[in-house]
Amino acid sequence: MNVFYDSFLAMGTRFEIVLPGVDDAYGHMLSREVEDEVIRLDKKLSRFSPKSLVRRLNVEAYDHAVFLDAEMWSLFSLCFDYYHLTHGAFDIAILPLLELWGFGQMETRKWVKPSATDVDACLKHVGMQYVALNEKERSIRFMKSGVQIDLGAIGKGYALEEVKGILQAEGIENAFVNFGGSSILALGSHPYGDCWRVGVQHPEQAGETLYEWELMDSAISTSGVANKFVAIDGEQYGHILHPKFGYPVDDTGLISVCASSAIEAEVLSTSFFVLDASQRQAVLGQTSGVRIAEIPIGEQV
C-alpha cells in the first residue's frame, strides 16, 4: 500500500500529514490545499501577523466595536462557550499576563520576576469578562483599556478541525496529522491495524514514551511546561498561567486529552492545568467522550 507523507512549517511549528492509500500526485494536491488553509488561518489568527484580525482587535477593539465575519464570529462564540465551561480557566484575554511574565514576543521577554503589585495591576486588564460580543451586529468590543487577546490556546485545534473538514470533503477516510507533536488528529484506522497508536513523548528525553493513546476518529492535545519556561533568579516558571491569580501553574507533569474534536482536546489540555481534580471532573461531566491522562514526568505510565 502506498502511504503518502508530507510536511511544512506553520504556526511556528512543523505540520505533518500521512495519507494511507493515496498516490503521490493526489497526496501533493491535498497537502497543498491543507497547507494553504493552515497558513491562511495563521495569518488571520496570529497576533504576530501584521494584518491579522487579532492584531487589529488588540489595537482597535477598545475604541470601537469591530465587525466579524462568519468564521470569526463562530470562533469567538466558541471561545466564550469554553470560557464558561472551564469556569474561566480557558481565557483568551490573557495576553497582558503573558507579556508581563515574558511569554510574549521573544525579543521583549522580561527576565525579572513581576512583583505582586505588578501582577495585581495586570489582572485588572485580564479576563473575558471585559470582552463583549454583540450578536445582532456580529461584532466584538473590549470594555476596558489594556485588554488584549491571544488565540494560542485554541489556534492549532481550530486549524486541525478545518483540515479534517478538507480531508473528509475529499473523501479521505484514513489520515494522520501531527501538528508539532502536541496536537494530533487521527481519522479512521491505521493501514495495518484498527487504530492509530500514538505515544506521548518525554519533553526532555528523546525517544522515551510516557503514555500511549489508541486513536480512531479522534484527536489528542498534550500540554506541559517542562520545556516552555523562563528562568528567573535560578527558578523556572512555566508558560501556563492562572488567568485569575496571575501566576504560573506549579506543575511539572503533562496533561494529555483525547476528544472527538481537536478544538476541545486543545482547550481542555491547557485548562486542566489550572483546574483542580474536582473541577476537572465537573468539566468532564459536561462533555462527551473526553478522556484525560495525567502524566508525571520521570515515571513510566
Protein backbone atom coordinates (compact mmCIF):
# COMPACT_ATOMS: atom_id res chain seq x y z
CA MET A 1 0.00 0.00 0.00
CA ASN A 2 1.27 3.44 -0.90
CA VAL A 3 1.46 5.80 2.07
CA PHE A 4 1.78 9.49 1.24
CA TYR A 5 3.71 11.76 3.61
CA ASP A 6 4.37 15.49 3.52
CA SER A 7 5.27 18.27 5.95
CA PHE A 8 5.52 22.04 6.12
CA LEU A 9 6.08 24.77 8.70
CA ALA A 10 3.14 26.78 10.03
CA MET A 11 2.07 28.45 13.27
CA GLY A 12 5.65 28.29 14.49
CA THR A 13 5.96 24.51 14.29
CA ARG A 14 6.04 21.54 11.91
CA PHE A 15 2.84 20.19 10.39
CA GLU A 16 2.96 16.58 9.16
CA ILE A 17 0.32 14.67 7.22
CA VAL A 18 0.14 10.93 6.47
CA LEU A 19 -2.40 9.59 3.95
CA PRO A 20 -2.54 5.79 3.56
CA GLY A 21 -3.63 4.50 0.16
CA VAL A 22 -3.17 7.86 -1.55
CA ASP A 23 -0.86 8.21 -4.56
CA ASP A 24 1.79 10.92 -4.62
CA ALA A 25 0.10 13.18 -7.18
CA TYR A 26 -3.22 13.27 -5.31
CA GLY A 27 -1.42 13.48 -1.97
CA HIS A 28 0.58 16.54 -3.01
CA MET A 29 -2.61 18.21 -4.23
CA LEU A 30 -4.32 17.58 -0.89
CA SER A 31 -1.25 18.62 1.08
CA ARG A 32 -1.05 21.96 -0.77
CA GLU A 33 -4.74 22.58 -0.10
CA VAL A 34 -4.21 21.82 3.58
CA GLU A 35 -1.09 23.98 3.75
CA ASP A 36 -2.87 26.92 2.12
CA GLU A 37 -5.67 26.66 4.68
CA VAL A 38 -3.38 26.44 7.70
CA ILE A 39 -1.31 29.39 6.50
CA ARG A 40 -4.49 31.38 5.84
CA LEU A 41 -5.62 30.73 9.40
CA ASP A 42 -2.22 31.60 10.82
CA LYS A 43 -2.28 34.97 9.08
CA LYS A 44 -5.81 35.59 10.37
CA LEU A 45 -5.46 34.36 13.95
CA SER A 46 -1.88 35.12 14.96
CA ARG A 47 -1.29 38.27 16.98
CA PHE A 48 2.18 38.37 15.40
CA SER A 49 0.77 38.75 11.87
CA PRO A 50 0.67 42.48 10.97
CA LYS A 51 -2.66 42.20 9.13
CA SER A 52 -4.38 39.63 11.35
CA LEU A 53 -7.78 40.21 12.87
CA VAL A 54 -6.33 39.55 16.31
CA ARG A 55 -3.72 42.28 15.84
CA ARG A 56 -6.47 44.66 14.73
CA LEU A 57 -8.65 43.79 17.72
CA ASN A 58 -5.81 44.39 20.15
CA VAL A 59 -5.30 47.85 18.65
CA GLU A 60 -8.88 48.96 17.96
CA ALA A 61 -11.46 46.96 19.93
CA TYR A 62 -11.44 49.21 23.00
CA ASP A 63 -12.02 52.34 20.92
CA HIS A 64 -14.90 50.92 18.89
CA ALA A 65 -16.71 47.69 18.02
CA VAL A 66 -15.06 45.58 15.33
CA PHE A 67 -17.32 43.64 12.99
CA LEU A 68 -16.59 39.94 12.49
CA ASP A 69 -17.04 37.69 9.51
CA ALA A 70 -19.00 34.45 9.96
CA GLU A 71 -15.87 32.39 10.63
CA MET A 72 -14.55 34.64 13.37
CA TRP A 73 -17.96 35.12 14.94
CA SER A 74 -18.24 31.34 15.24
CA LEU A 75 -14.72 31.04 16.70
CA PHE A 76 -15.16 33.80 19.29
CA SER A 77 -18.55 32.38 20.28
CA LEU A 78 -16.82 29.06 20.82
CA CYS A 79 -14.17 30.76 22.97
CA PHE A 80 -16.91 32.11 25.20
CA ASP A 81 -18.52 28.67 25.44
CA TYR A 82 -15.23 27.17 26.65
CA TYR A 83 -14.59 30.10 28.97
CA HIS A 84 -17.85 29.31 30.75
CA LEU A 85 -17.41 25.52 30.57
CA THR A 86 -14.00 25.75 32.27
CA HIS A 87 -15.09 28.40 34.79
CA GLY A 88 -12.60 30.86 33.33
CA ALA A 89 -9.60 28.52 33.10
CA PHE A 90 -9.68 28.96 29.32
CA ASP A 91 -9.36 32.68 28.75
CA ILE A 92 -8.14 34.25 25.50
CA ALA A 93 -7.92 37.71 27.13
CA ILE A 94 -4.72 36.75 28.93
CA LEU A 95 -2.12 38.44 26.73
CA PRO A 96 -1.15 41.17 29.27
CA LEU A 97 -0.19 38.42 31.74
CA LEU A 98 1.78 36.50 29.11
CA GLU A 99 3.79 39.60 28.33
CA LEU A 100 4.27 40.50 31.99
CA TRP A 101 5.88 37.13 32.66
CA GLY A 102 7.94 37.16 29.49
CA PHE A 103 5.88 34.83 27.29
CA GLY A 104 5.12 37.49 24.71
CA GLN A 105 7.47 38.08 21.82
CA MET A 106 10.89 36.55 22.41
CA GLU A 107 12.75 39.78 21.85
CA THR A 108 10.72 41.57 24.55
CA ARG A 109 10.98 38.90 27.23
CA LYS A 110 11.42 40.20 30.75
CA TRP A 111 13.79 38.26 32.98
CA VAL A 112 12.71 39.84 36.25
CA LYS A 113 10.00 38.23 38.34
CA PRO A 114 6.98 40.53 38.45
CA SER A 115 6.14 41.92 41.85
CA ALA A 116 2.81 41.18 43.48
CA THR A 117 1.86 44.78 42.76
CA ASP A 118 2.67 44.31 39.07
CA VAL A 119 0.59 41.13 38.91
CA ASP A 120 -2.37 42.74 40.66
CA ALA A 121 -2.23 45.74 38.34
CA CYS A 122 -2.04 43.49 35.29
CA LEU A 123 -5.02 41.37 36.41
CA LYS A 124 -7.20 44.48 36.19
CA HIS A 125 -6.88 44.19 32.40
CA VAL A 126 -7.18 40.42 32.11
CA GLY A 127 -10.27 38.33 31.50
CA MET A 128 -13.04 37.65 29.02
CA GLN A 129 -15.47 39.41 31.33
CA TYR A 130 -14.09 42.53 29.62
CA VAL A 131 -14.83 41.20 26.13
CA ALA A 132 -18.33 41.76 24.72
CA LEU A 133 -19.94 40.07 21.74
CA ASN A 134 -22.89 41.75 20.03
CA GLU A 135 -24.89 39.03 18.32
CA LYS A 136 -27.18 41.42 16.47
CA GLU A 137 -24.29 43.34 14.93
CA ARG A 138 -21.94 40.33 14.93
CA SER A 139 -19.24 42.48 16.46
CA ILE A 140 -16.76 42.37 19.32
CA ARG A 141 -15.56 45.09 21.66
CA PHE A 142 -13.24 45.33 24.64
CA MET A 143 -14.91 47.03 27.59
CA LYS A 144 -11.74 48.11 29.35
CA SER A 145 -8.50 49.70 28.18
CA GLY A 146 -5.47 47.45 28.13
CA VAL A 147 -7.42 44.28 27.36
CA GLN A 148 -5.70 42.16 24.71
CA ILE A 149 -6.28 38.66 23.38
CA ASP A 150 -4.21 35.72 22.22
CA LEU A 151 -5.65 32.67 20.43
CA GLY A 152 -2.63 30.43 21.01
CA ALA A 153 -4.60 28.07 23.26
CA ILE A 154 -7.13 27.24 20.54
CA GLY A 155 -5.47 28.07 17.21
CA LYS A 156 -3.88 24.71 16.38
CA GLY A 157 -7.00 22.82 17.41
CA TYR A 158 -9.15 25.03 15.23
CA ALA A 159 -6.77 24.55 12.30
CA LEU A 160 -6.88 20.78 12.73
CA GLU A 161 -10.69 20.81 12.64
CA GLU A 162 -10.56 22.78 9.40
CA VAL A 163 -8.05 20.29 7.98
CA LYS A 164 -10.36 17.44 8.98
CA GLY A 165 -13.16 19.12 7.03
CA ILE A 166 -10.97 19.41 3.93
CA LEU A 167 -9.92 15.75 4.06
CA GLN A 168 -13.44 14.47 4.66
CA ALA A 169 -14.80 16.63 1.82
CA GLU A 170 -12.22 14.98 -0.45
CA GLY A 171 -13.38 11.53 0.60
CA ILE A 172 -10.33 10.71 2.75
CA GLU A 173 -11.31 8.14 5.37
CA ASN A 174 -7.91 7.40 6.94
CA ALA A 175 -5.33 10.02 7.82
CA PHE A 176 -2.86 11.01 10.50
CA VAL A 177 -2.00 14.65 11.12
CA ASN A 178 0.71 15.70 13.56
CA PHE A 179 0.85 19.40 14.48
CA GLY A 180 4.08 19.99 16.35
CA GLY A 181 3.86 16.78 18.34
CA SER A 182 1.47 18.29 20.87
CA SER A 183 -1.71 18.33 18.75
CA ILE A 184 -2.63 15.25 16.72
CA LEU A 185 -5.62 14.27 14.60
CA ALA A 186 -6.34 10.66 13.58
CA LEU A 187 -9.02 9.83 11.02
CA GLY A 188 -10.25 6.28 10.54
CA SER A 189 -7.83 3.48 11.19
CA HIS A 190 -4.15 2.67 10.73
CA PRO A 191 -3.49 0.77 7.46
CA TYR A 192 -2.14 -2.19 9.45
CA GLY A 193 -4.46 -2.18 12.45
CA ASP A 194 -7.72 -0.99 13.90
CA CYS A 195 -6.37 2.24 15.38
CA TRP A 196 -3.52 4.72 15.35
CA ARG A 197 -1.20 4.17 18.31
CA VAL A 198 0.27 7.47 19.44
CA GLY A 199 2.84 7.83 22.18
CA VAL A 200 3.17 10.89 24.40
CA GLN A 201 6.89 11.63 24.39
CA HIS A 202 9.02 12.81 27.27
CA PRO A 203 9.59 16.55 26.68
CA GLU A 204 13.28 16.38 27.63
CA GLN A 205 14.36 12.79 26.88
CA ALA A 206 14.16 11.92 23.20
CA GLY A 207 12.67 8.52 22.44
CA GLU A 208 11.07 7.97 25.85
CA THR A 209 7.34 7.30 25.65
CA LEU A 210 5.38 8.17 28.77
CA TYR A 211 1.87 7.19 27.67
CA GLU A 212 0.19 5.64 24.65
CA TRP A 213 -3.17 6.50 23.13
CA GLU A 214 -5.19 4.35 20.73
CA LEU A 215 -6.90 6.77 18.35
CA MET A 216 -9.67 6.34 15.81
CA ASP A 217 -11.59 9.37 14.52
CA SER A 218 -10.31 11.43 17.42
CA ALA A 219 -7.68 13.95 18.41
CA ILE A 220 -5.28 14.47 21.29
CA SER A 221 -3.57 17.51 22.70
CA THR A 222 -0.78 17.37 25.26
CA SER A 223 0.26 20.30 27.43
CA GLY A 224 3.13 20.78 29.84
CA VAL A 225 5.67 23.32 31.00
CA ALA A 226 8.86 21.24 31.20
CA ASN A 227 10.39 22.77 28.05
CA LYS A 228 8.48 26.06 28.00
CA PHE A 229 9.59 28.28 30.83
CA VAL A 230 11.51 31.37 31.82
CA ALA A 231 14.37 31.16 34.31
CA ILE A 232 14.40 33.97 36.87
CA ASP A 233 16.88 34.07 39.74
CA GLY A 234 17.52 30.34 39.43
CA GLU A 235 13.82 29.41 39.46
CA GLN A 236 11.86 28.11 36.48
CA TYR A 237 8.41 29.50 35.76
CA GLY A 238 6.21 27.66 33.26
CA HIS A 239 4.27 29.30 30.44
CA ILE A 240 0.81 28.15 31.62
CA LEU A 241 -0.57 30.98 33.73
CA HIS A 242 -3.59 31.04 36.00
CA PRO A 243 -5.82 33.75 34.48
CA LYS A 244 -7.50 34.54 37.81
CA PHE A 245 -4.48 34.61 40.11
CA GLY A 246 -1.84 35.77 37.62
CA TYR A 247 0.92 33.30 38.43
CA PRO A 248 2.41 30.32 36.55
CA VAL A 249 0.88 26.96 37.37
CA ASP A 250 3.22 24.93 39.57
CA ASP A 251 3.05 21.53 37.85
CA THR A 252 5.93 19.79 36.11
CA GLY A 253 3.92 16.94 34.59
CA LEU A 254 1.94 16.59 31.38
CA ILE A 255 -1.78 16.52 30.73
CA SER A 256 -2.95 14.81 27.57
CA VAL A 257 -6.58 14.98 26.48
CA CYS A 258 -8.35 12.85 23.88
CA ALA A 259 -11.60 14.05 22.29
CA SER A 260 -13.56 13.76 19.07
CA SER A 261 -12.83 17.46 18.45
CA ALA A 262 -9.27 18.74 18.11
CA ILE A 263 -10.51 22.09 19.42
CA GLU A 264 -11.87 20.55 22.59
CA ALA A 265 -8.73 18.48 23.14
CA GLU A 266 -6.51 21.55 22.87
CA VAL A 267 -8.65 23.82 25.01
CA LEU A 268 -9.03 21.28 27.80
CA SER A 269 -5.42 20.07 27.88
CA THR A 270 -4.33 23.55 28.95
CA SER A 271 -7.39 24.37 31.06
CA PHE A 272 -6.98 21.23 33.17
CA PHE A 273 -3.62 22.55 34.39
CA VAL A 274 -5.46 25.44 36.01
CA LEU A 275 -8.35 23.41 37.43
CA ASP A 276 -8.10 21.08 40.43
CA ALA A 277 -9.20 17.43 40.31
CA SER A 278 -12.82 18.06 41.32
CA GLN A 279 -13.16 20.93 38.85
CA ARG A 280 -11.75 18.74 36.07
CA GLN A 281 -14.32 16.07 36.83
CA ALA A 282 -17.09 18.67 36.75
CA VAL A 283 -15.95 19.77 33.28
CA LEU A 284 -15.67 16.17 32.08
CA GLY A 285 -19.22 15.59 33.29
CA GLN A 286 -20.40 18.26 30.86
CA THR A 287 -18.57 16.80 27.86
CA SER A 288 -19.00 13.63 25.87
CA GLY A 289 -16.27 11.10 25.14
CA VAL A 290 -13.41 13.19 26.54
CA ARG A 291 -10.57 11.26 28.19
CA ILE A 292 -7.68 12.65 30.20
CA ALA A 293 -4.25 11.27 31.07
CA GLU A 294 -2.28 12.97 33.84
CA ILE A 295 1.35 12.05 33.28
CA PRO A 296 4.03 12.76 35.90
CA ILE A 297 7.42 13.47 34.36
CA GLY A 298 10.03 10.84 35.03
CA GLU A 299 7.62 8.00 35.70
CA GLN A 300 6.53 5.43 33.16
CA VAL A 301 2.75 5.10 32.90
